Structures are given as C-alpha cells and as structure tokens.
PDB file of N, CA and C in Angstrom:
ATOM      1  N   MET A   1       0.429  -2.627 -18.232  1.00  0.00           N
ATOM      2  CA  MET A   1      -0.361  -1.438 -18.478  1.00  0.00           C
ATOM      3  C   MET A   1       0.424  -0.226 -17.966  1.00  0.00           C
ATOM      4  N   PRO A   2       0.520   0.829 -18.724  1.00  0.00           N
ATOM      5  CA  PRO A   2       1.260   2.012 -18.286  1.00  0.00           C
ATOM      6  C   PRO A   2       0.640   2.643 -17.033  1.00  0.00           C
ATOM      7  N   LYS A   3       1.491   3.227 -16.196  1.00  0.00           N
ATOM      8  CA  LYS A   3       1.023   3.824 -14.941  1.00  0.00           C
ATOM      9  C   LYS A   3      -0.004   4.920 -15.173  1.00  0.00           C
ATOM     10  N   LYS A   4       0.218   5.757 -16.164  1.00  0.00           N
ATOM     11  CA  LYS A   4      -0.717   6.853 -16.428  1.00  0.00           C
ATOM     12  C   LYS A   4      -2.080   6.328 -16.877  1.00  0.00           C
ATOM     13  N   ALA A   5      -2.079   5.276 -17.683  1.00  0.00           N
ATOM     14  CA  ALA A   5      -3.338   4.693 -18.144  1.00  0.00           C
ATOM     15  C   ALA A   5      -4.080   4.041 -16.981  1.00  0.00           C
ATOM     16  N   ARG A   6      -3.350   3.369 -16.107  1.00  0.00           N
ATOM     17  CA  ARG A   6      -3.960   2.735 -14.932  1.00  0.00           C
ATOM     18  C   ARG A   6      -4.569   3.790 -14.018  1.00  0.00           C
ATOM     19  N   ALA A   7      -3.839   4.898 -13.803  1.00  0.00           N
ATOM     20  CA  ALA A   7      -4.339   5.980 -12.960  1.00  0.00           C
ATOM     21  C   ALA A   7      -5.582   6.617 -13.575  1.00  0.00           C
ATOM     22  N   ALA A   8      -5.585   6.806 -14.886  1.00  0.00           N
ATOM     23  CA  ALA A   8      -6.738   7.392 -15.567  1.00  0.00           C
ATOM     24  C   ALA A   8      -7.952   6.471 -15.466  1.00  0.00           C
ATOM     25  N   ALA A   9      -7.734   5.176 -15.597  1.00  0.00           N
ATOM     26  CA  ALA A   9      -8.829   4.213 -15.495  1.00  0.00           C
ATOM     27  C   ALA A   9      -9.415   4.206 -14.082  1.00  0.00           C
ATOM     28  N   LEU A  10      -8.564   4.275 -13.079  1.00  0.00           N
ATOM     29  CA  LEU A  10      -9.032   4.317 -11.697  1.00  0.00           C
ATOM     30  C   LEU A  10      -9.845   5.583 -11.442  1.00  0.00           C
ATOM     31  N   ARG A  11      -9.350   6.717 -11.932  1.00  0.00           N
ATOM     32  CA  ARG A  11     -10.086   7.976 -11.769  1.00  0.00           C
ATOM     33  C   ARG A  11     -11.449   7.911 -12.451  1.00  0.00           C
ATOM     34  N   ALA A  12     -11.495   7.364 -13.646  1.00  0.00           N
ATOM     35  CA  ALA A  12     -12.757   7.258 -14.385  1.00  0.00           C
ATOM     36  C   ALA A  12     -13.748   6.346 -13.656  1.00  0.00           C
ATOM     37  N   ALA A  13     -13.266   5.228 -13.151  1.00  0.00           N
ATOM     38  CA  ALA A  13     -14.140   4.291 -12.440  1.00  0.00           C
ATOM     39  C   ALA A  13     -14.670   4.910 -11.151  1.00  0.00           C
ATOM     40  N   LEU A  14     -13.808   5.597 -10.415  1.00  0.00           N
ATOM     41  CA  LEU A  14     -14.249   6.232  -9.173  1.00  0.00           C
ATOM     42  C   LEU A  14     -15.225   7.366  -9.448  1.00  0.00           C
ATOM     43  N   THR A  15     -15.006   8.109 -10.514  1.00  0.00           N
ATOM     44  CA  THR A  15     -15.922   9.192 -10.878  1.00  0.00           C
ATOM     45  C   THR A  15     -17.298   8.647 -11.225  1.00  0.00           C
ATOM     46  N   LEU A  16     -17.342   7.559 -11.969  1.00  0.00           N
ATOM     47  CA  LEU A  16     -18.611   6.928 -12.324  1.00  0.00           C
ATOM     48  C   LEU A  16     -19.351   6.469 -11.076  1.00  0.00           C
ATOM     49  N   ARG A  17     -18.649   5.796 -10.182  1.00  0.00           N
ATOM     50  CA  ARG A  17     -19.279   5.311  -8.948  1.00  0.00           C
ATOM     51  C   ARG A  17     -19.718   6.476  -8.063  1.00  0.00           C
ATOM     52  N   LEU A  18     -18.986   7.597  -8.093  1.00  0.00           N
ATOM     53  CA  LEU A  18     -19.358   8.779  -7.318  1.00  0.00           C
ATOM     54  C   LEU A  18     -20.676   9.353  -7.818  1.00  0.00           C
ATOM     55  N   THR A  19     -20.841   9.433  -9.138  1.00  0.00           N
ATOM     56  CA  THR A  19     -22.089   9.947  -9.698  1.00  0.00           C
ATOM     57  C   THR A  19     -23.268   9.031  -9.392  1.00  0.00           C
ATOM     58  N   GLU A  20     -23.003   7.753  -9.182  1.00  0.00           N
ATOM     59  CA  GLU A  20     -24.048   6.798  -8.816  1.00  0.00           C
ATOM     60  C   GLU A  20     -24.362   6.844  -7.324  1.00  0.00           C
ATOM     61  N   GLY A  21     -23.542   7.545  -6.550  1.00  0.00           N
ATOM     62  CA  GLY A  21     -23.734   7.623  -5.106  1.00  0.00           C
ATOM     63  C   GLY A  21     -23.205   6.406  -4.368  1.00  0.00           C
ATOM     64  N   ALA A  22     -22.296   5.690  -4.982  1.00  0.00           N
ATOM     65  CA  ALA A  22     -21.789   4.445  -4.405  1.00  0.00           C
ATOM     66  C   ALA A  22     -20.395   4.599  -3.806  1.00  0.00           C
ATOM     67  N   VAL A  23     -19.948   5.841  -3.580  1.00  0.00           N
ATOM     68  CA  VAL A  23     -18.618   6.070  -3.029  1.00  0.00           C
ATOM     69  C   VAL A  23     -18.747   6.680  -1.641  1.00  0.00           C
ATOM     70  N   LYS A  24     -18.006   6.132  -0.704  1.00  0.00           N
ATOM     71  CA  LYS A  24     -17.940   6.700   0.638  1.00  0.00           C
ATOM     72  C   LYS A  24     -16.515   7.191   0.847  1.00  0.00           C
ATOM     73  N   VAL A  25     -16.397   8.426   1.275  1.00  0.00           N
ATOM     74  CA  VAL A  25     -15.080   9.006   1.520  1.00  0.00           C
ATOM     75  C   VAL A  25     -14.869   9.059   3.025  1.00  0.00           C
ATOM     76  N   VAL A  26     -13.777   8.458   3.469  1.00  0.00           N
ATOM     77  CA  VAL A  26     -13.425   8.430   4.883  1.00  0.00           C
ATOM     78  C   VAL A  26     -12.085   9.133   5.027  1.00  0.00           C
ATOM     79  N   GLU A  27     -12.035  10.119   5.900  1.00  0.00           N
ATOM     80  CA  GLU A  27     -10.800  10.896   6.042  1.00  0.00           C
ATOM     81  C   GLU A  27      -9.671  10.057   6.636  1.00  0.00           C
ATOM     82  N   ALA A  28      -9.958   9.308   7.667  1.00  0.00           N
ATOM     83  CA  ALA A  28      -8.925   8.482   8.300  1.00  0.00           C
ATOM     84  C   ALA A  28      -9.500   7.094   8.546  1.00  0.00           C
ATOM     85  N   PHE A  29      -8.844   6.107   8.015  1.00  0.00           N
ATOM     86  CA  PHE A  29      -9.275   4.721   8.164  1.00  0.00           C
ATOM     87  C   PHE A  29      -8.211   4.024   8.994  1.00  0.00           C
ATOM     88  N   VAL A  30      -8.335   4.116  10.303  1.00  0.00           N
ATOM     89  CA  VAL A  30      -7.293   3.635  11.206  1.00  0.00           C
ATOM     90  C   VAL A  30      -7.688   2.293  11.811  1.00  0.00           C
ATOM     91  N   VAL A  31      -6.833   1.323  11.591  1.00  0.00           N
ATOM     92  CA  VAL A  31      -6.962   0.022  12.228  1.00  0.00           C
ATOM     93  C   VAL A  31      -5.681  -0.164  13.032  1.00  0.00           C
ATOM     94  N   GLU A  32      -5.819  -0.265  14.342  1.00  0.00           N
ATOM     95  CA  GLU A  32      -4.632  -0.297  15.199  1.00  0.00           C
ATOM     96  C   GLU A  32      -3.966  -1.664  15.272  1.00  0.00           C
ATOM     97  N   GLU A  33      -4.756  -2.726  15.143  1.00  0.00           N
ATOM     98  CA  GLU A  33      -4.185  -4.065  15.184  1.00  0.00           C
ATOM     99  C   GLU A  33      -4.692  -4.854  13.977  1.00  0.00           C
ATOM    100  N   PRO A  34      -3.877  -5.712  13.433  1.00  0.00           N
ATOM    101  CA  PRO A  34      -4.253  -6.442  12.220  1.00  0.00           C
ATOM    102  C   PRO A  34      -5.255  -7.566  12.493  1.00  0.00           C
ATOM    103  N   LYS A  35      -6.506  -7.196  12.688  1.00  0.00           N
ATOM    104  CA  LYS A  35      -7.565  -8.169  12.959  1.00  0.00           C
ATOM    105  C   LYS A  35      -8.667  -8.001  11.924  1.00  0.00           C
ATOM    106  N   THR A  36      -9.016  -9.082  11.258  1.00  0.00           N
ATOM    107  CA  THR A  36     -10.061  -9.056  10.245  1.00  0.00           C
ATOM    108  C   THR A  36     -11.402  -8.656  10.863  1.00  0.00           C
ATOM    109  N   LYS A  37     -11.667  -9.121  12.066  1.00  0.00           N
ATOM    110  CA  LYS A  37     -12.922  -8.816  12.747  1.00  0.00           C
ATOM    111  C   LYS A  37     -13.082  -7.309  12.967  1.00  0.00           C
ATOM    112  N   VAL A  38     -11.992  -6.631  13.300  1.00  0.00           N
ATOM    113  CA  VAL A  38     -12.031  -5.185  13.536  1.00  0.00           C
ATOM    114  C   VAL A  38     -12.373  -4.457  12.235  1.00  0.00           C
ATOM    115  N   LEU A  39     -11.721  -4.809  11.147  1.00  0.00           N
ATOM    116  CA  LEU A  39     -11.987  -4.164   9.858  1.00  0.00           C
ATOM    117  C   LEU A  39     -13.400  -4.458   9.384  1.00  0.00           C
ATOM    118  N   LYS A  40     -13.858  -5.674   9.561  1.00  0.00           N
ATOM    119  CA  LYS A  40     -15.211  -6.038   9.165  1.00  0.00           C
ATOM    120  C   LYS A  40     -16.237  -5.212   9.946  1.00  0.00           C
ATOM    121  N   GLY A  41     -15.971  -4.984  11.217  1.00  0.00           N
ATOM    122  CA  GLY A  41     -16.845  -4.152  12.042  1.00  0.00           C
ATOM    123  C   GLY A  41     -16.866  -2.706  11.573  1.00  0.00           C
ATOM    124  N   LEU A  42     -15.686  -2.165  11.209  1.00  0.00           N
ATOM    125  CA  LEU A  42     -15.621  -0.794  10.699  1.00  0.00           C
ATOM    126  C   LEU A  42     -16.395  -0.646   9.397  1.00  0.00           C
ATOM    127  N   LEU A  43     -16.259  -1.609   8.501  1.00  0.00           N
ATOM    128  CA  LEU A  43     -16.993  -1.571   7.241  1.00  0.00           C
ATOM    129  C   LEU A  43     -18.499  -1.667   7.476  1.00  0.00           C
ATOM    130  N   ALA A  44     -18.910  -2.478   8.447  1.00  0.00           N
ATOM    131  CA  ALA A  44     -20.331  -2.601   8.761  1.00  0.00           C
ATOM    132  C   ALA A  44     -20.883  -1.292   9.314  1.00  0.00           C
ATOM    133  N   LYS A  45     -20.102  -0.602  10.150  1.00  0.00           N
ATOM    134  CA  LYS A  45     -20.535   0.693  10.695  1.00  0.00           C
ATOM    135  C   LYS A  45     -20.705   1.734   9.592  1.00  0.00           C
ATOM    136  N   LEU A  46     -19.900   1.623   8.546  1.00  0.00           N
ATOM    137  CA  LEU A  46     -20.013   2.551   7.420  1.00  0.00           C
ATOM    138  C   LEU A  46     -21.137   2.175   6.465  1.00  0.00           C
ATOM    139  N   GLY A  47     -21.762   1.029   6.689  1.00  0.00           N
ATOM    140  CA  GLY A  47     -22.850   0.589   5.830  1.00  0.00           C
ATOM    141  C   GLY A  47     -22.375  -0.055   4.546  1.00  0.00           C
ATOM    142  N   ILE A  48     -21.169  -0.594   4.571  1.00  0.00           N
ATOM    143  CA  ILE A  48     -20.604  -1.229   3.383  1.00  0.00           C
ATOM    144  C   ILE A  48     -20.842  -2.731   3.478  1.00  0.00           C
ATOM    145  N   ALA A  49     -21.646  -3.232   2.548  1.00  0.00           N
ATOM    146  CA  ALA A  49     -21.928  -4.667   2.495  1.00  0.00           C
ATOM    147  C   ALA A  49     -21.618  -5.142   1.089  1.00  0.00           C
ATOM    148  N   GLY A  50     -21.062  -6.304   0.982  1.00  0.00           N
ATOM    149  CA  GLY A  50     -20.716  -6.837  -0.336  1.00  0.00           C
ATOM    150  C   GLY A  50     -19.338  -6.390  -0.760  1.00  0.00           C
ATOM    151  N   LYS A  51     -19.179  -6.221  -2.061  1.00  0.00           N
ATOM    152  CA  LYS A  51     -17.864  -5.891  -2.608  1.00  0.00           C
ATOM    153  C   LYS A  51     -17.472  -4.454  -2.302  1.00  0.00           C
ATOM    154  N   ALA A  52     -16.179  -4.261  -2.056  1.00  0.00           N
ATOM    155  CA  ALA A  52     -15.669  -2.922  -1.766  1.00  0.00           C
ATOM    156  C   ALA A  52     -14.232  -2.805  -2.256  1.00  0.00           C
ATOM    157  N   VAL A  53     -13.891  -1.615  -2.682  1.00  0.00           N
ATOM    158  CA  VAL A  53     -12.518  -1.293  -3.049  1.00  0.00           C
ATOM    159  C   VAL A  53     -12.072  -0.176  -2.123  1.00  0.00           C
ATOM    160  N   VAL A  54     -10.982  -0.396  -1.431  1.00  0.00           N
ATOM    161  CA  VAL A  54     -10.431   0.603  -0.524  1.00  0.00           C
ATOM    162  C   VAL A  54      -9.228   1.225  -1.223  1.00  0.00           C
ATOM    163  N   VAL A  55      -9.276   2.539  -1.399  1.00  0.00           N
ATOM    164  CA  VAL A  55      -8.203   3.259  -2.067  1.00  0.00           C
ATOM    165  C   VAL A  55      -7.538   4.141  -1.031  1.00  0.00           C
ATOM    166  N   ASP A  56      -6.236   3.995  -0.883  1.00  0.00           N
ATOM    167  CA  ASP A  56      -5.481   4.765   0.102  1.00  0.00           C
ATOM    168  C   ASP A  56      -4.124   5.116  -0.488  1.00  0.00           C
ATOM    169  N   HIS A  57      -3.617   6.277  -0.104  1.00  0.00           N
ATOM    170  CA  HIS A  57      -2.316   6.702  -0.611  1.00  0.00           C
ATOM    171  C   HIS A  57      -1.187   5.880   0.005  1.00  0.00           C
ATOM    172  N   GLN A  58      -1.211   5.762   1.316  1.00  0.00           N
ATOM    173  CA  GLN A  58      -0.207   4.968   2.030  1.00  0.00           C
ATOM    174  C   GLN A  58      -0.918   4.135   3.096  1.00  0.00           C
ATOM    175  N   PRO A  59      -1.492   2.992   2.713  1.00  0.00           N
ATOM    176  CA  PRO A  59      -2.210   2.180   3.705  1.00  0.00           C
ATOM    177  C   PRO A  59      -1.248   1.590   4.737  1.00  0.00           C
ATOM    178  N   ALA A  60      -1.700   1.584   5.960  1.00  0.00           N
ATOM    179  CA  ALA A  60      -0.899   1.015   7.048  1.00  0.00           C
ATOM    180  C   ALA A  60      -0.858  -0.507   6.911  1.00  0.00           C
ATOM    181  N   ASP A  61       0.202  -1.093   7.416  1.00  0.00           N
ATOM    182  CA  ASP A  61       0.341  -2.546   7.347  1.00  0.00           C
ATOM    183  C   ASP A  61      -0.807  -3.258   8.059  1.00  0.00           C
ATOM    184  N   ALA A  62      -1.235  -2.712   9.200  1.00  0.00           N
ATOM    185  CA  ALA A  62      -2.333  -3.333   9.946  1.00  0.00           C
ATOM    186  C   ALA A  62      -3.612  -3.340   9.122  1.00  0.00           C
ATOM    187  N   LEU A  63      -3.846  -2.286   8.351  1.00  0.00           N
ATOM    188  CA  LEU A  63      -5.041  -2.213   7.507  1.00  0.00           C
ATOM    189  C   LEU A  63      -4.983  -3.256   6.393  1.00  0.00           C
ATOM    190  N   LEU A  64      -3.840  -3.375   5.752  1.00  0.00           N
ATOM    191  CA  LEU A  64      -3.686  -4.363   4.683  1.00  0.00           C
ATOM    192  C   LEU A  64      -3.809  -5.790   5.208  1.00  0.00           C
ATOM    193  N   LEU A  65      -3.211  -6.058   6.359  1.00  0.00           N
ATOM    194  CA  LEU A  65      -3.275  -7.397   6.943  1.00  0.00           C
ATOM    195  C   LEU A  65      -4.691  -7.728   7.397  1.00  0.00           C
ATOM    196  N   SER A  66      -5.426  -6.727   7.864  1.00  0.00           N
ATOM    197  CA  SER A  66      -6.798  -6.951   8.315  1.00  0.00           C
ATOM    198  C   SER A  66      -7.714  -7.320   7.160  1.00  0.00           C
ATOM    199  N   GLY A  67      -7.472  -6.742   6.007  1.00  0.00           N
ATOM    200  CA  GLY A  67      -8.367  -6.948   4.882  1.00  0.00           C
ATOM    201  C   GLY A  67      -8.022  -8.094   3.967  1.00  0.00           C
ATOM    202  N   ARG A  68      -6.897  -8.711   4.151  1.00  0.00           N
ATOM    203  CA  ARG A  68      -6.501  -9.748   3.191  1.00  0.00           C
ATOM    204  C   ARG A  68      -7.363 -11.002   3.278  1.00  0.00           C
ATOM    205  N   ASN A  69      -8.055 -11.222   4.397  1.00  0.00           N
ATOM    206  CA  ASN A  69      -8.917 -12.399   4.528  1.00  0.00           C
ATOM    207  C   ASN A  69     -10.358 -12.130   4.133  1.00  0.00           C
ATOM    208  N   LEU A  70     -10.682 -10.896   3.780  1.00  0.00           N
ATOM    209  CA  LEU A  70     -12.037 -10.574   3.350  1.00  0.00           C
ATOM    210  C   LEU A  70     -12.120 -10.745   1.836  1.00  0.00           C
ATOM    211  N   PRO A  71     -12.894 -11.701   1.356  1.00  0.00           N
ATOM    212  CA  PRO A  71     -12.886 -12.013  -0.076  1.00  0.00           C
ATOM    213  C   PRO A  71     -13.461 -10.905  -0.960  1.00  0.00           C
ATOM    214  N   ASP A  72     -14.335 -10.051  -0.435  1.00  0.00           N
ATOM    215  CA  ASP A  72     -14.970  -9.017  -1.247  1.00  0.00           C
ATOM    216  C   ASP A  72     -14.303  -7.652  -1.126  1.00  0.00           C
ATOM    217  N   VAL A  73     -13.164  -7.590  -0.463  1.00  0.00           N
ATOM    218  CA  VAL A  73     -12.459  -6.317  -0.282  1.00  0.00           C
ATOM    219  C   VAL A  73     -11.167  -6.346  -1.096  1.00  0.00           C
ATOM    220  N   ARG A  74     -10.988  -5.319  -1.920  1.00  0.00           N
ATOM    221  CA  ARG A  74      -9.771  -5.169  -2.724  1.00  0.00           C
ATOM    222  C   ARG A  74      -9.085  -3.877  -2.324  1.00  0.00           C
ATOM    223  N   TRP A  75      -7.779  -3.812  -2.531  1.00  0.00           N
ATOM    224  CA  TRP A  75      -6.979  -2.651  -2.141  1.00  0.00           C
ATOM    225  C   TRP A  75      -6.354  -2.018  -3.358  1.00  0.00           C
ATOM    226  N   SER A  76      -6.238  -0.710  -3.313  1.00  0.00           N
ATOM    227  CA  SER A  76      -5.560   0.022  -4.363  1.00  0.00           C
ATOM    228  C   SER A  76      -4.890   1.235  -3.730  1.00  0.00           C
ATOM    229  N   ARG A  77      -3.696   1.524  -4.213  1.00  0.00           N
ATOM    230  CA  ARG A  77      -2.997   2.728  -3.765  1.00  0.00           C
ATOM    231  C   ARG A  77      -3.253   3.828  -4.774  1.00  0.00           C
ATOM    232  N   THR A  78      -3.467   5.045  -4.275  1.00  0.00           N
ATOM    233  CA  THR A  78      -3.671   6.154  -5.207  1.00  0.00           C
ATOM    234  C   THR A  78      -2.370   6.455  -5.898  1.00  0.00           C
ATOM    235  N   PRO A  79      -2.417   6.816  -7.167  1.00  0.00           N
ATOM    236  CA  PRO A  79      -1.189   7.144  -7.888  1.00  0.00           C
ATOM    237  C   PRO A  79      -0.585   8.438  -7.349  1.00  0.00           C
ATOM    238  N   THR A  80       0.713   8.513  -7.361  1.00  0.00           N
ATOM    239  CA  THR A  80       1.393   9.716  -6.871  1.00  0.00           C
ATOM    240  C   THR A  80       1.674  10.681  -7.975  1.00  0.00           C
TER     241      THR A  80
END
C-alpha cells in the first residue's frame, strides 16, 4: 500500500473516532522501564479498556516493549 494512501486512511480513521468521542490525546506518554504492568496501569488510569491503538511519532523503545504483550494494544507511527 502506498505511504500516502496509508497516511490518508489513518487520518480518516482517527477523524471518525474523534467525532465519536473515542479518541484520547496524551501529550507525553512516558514509560521509563519496559514493563507491561506499568503500561497497563497507565492505560487504566486513562480509562482505556479493551482495544486501543497508540499512535506516536517516535515511540520510545520502553513503550514499545511494554505494549507488545498486551493483545488489545496496537502501535502505529505517525507519517512524517
């Protein structure tokens, strides 16, 4: 799939979810150590239950490692 088409699809999907009120914007999502329990706790504090997509421009390695064991969490990098 072309990069521009993928970026457009991501923007469209996020816009739809935003109009539904299902998007939470977090300015800084900092996980200092790669622990699944820590990330799960942060998501619970934000009120996120069930499936989630985390979109970040440059996600930290600790954040990616923390979320890889959560089956309902997916990662995406924002297009540059």
